[in-house]
């Protein structure tokens, strides 16, 4: 069963569901872990998506009030990997920290 990680797009930033104060957070995962990445768009008038380019993982653009998700297995290579909103990458990006 995958672990849910929910990122909320608010304005031009990502937050974790339940913690609106931490902007573009570092997300800690374990190598080989199965993750369901959920994107919730709470930004009126803006389209947002999410991409982890190094792993070829993405959620396509969604409008305000919409939710979308993708499930994947974290690669076995520890390190930091960027996630970003493709159209707003300068302001909406963070890292996923993979530990063994």
Foldseek 3Di string as FASTA:
>chain_A
DADEWEWEAAALWTDTVPCPPDTQDAAEDEAFGKYKYKYAYQYAPDWWKKDQPVVRDIDDTDHHGDMDIDIDTHHNDFDWTKMATVVRRVRYMHIYGYDD
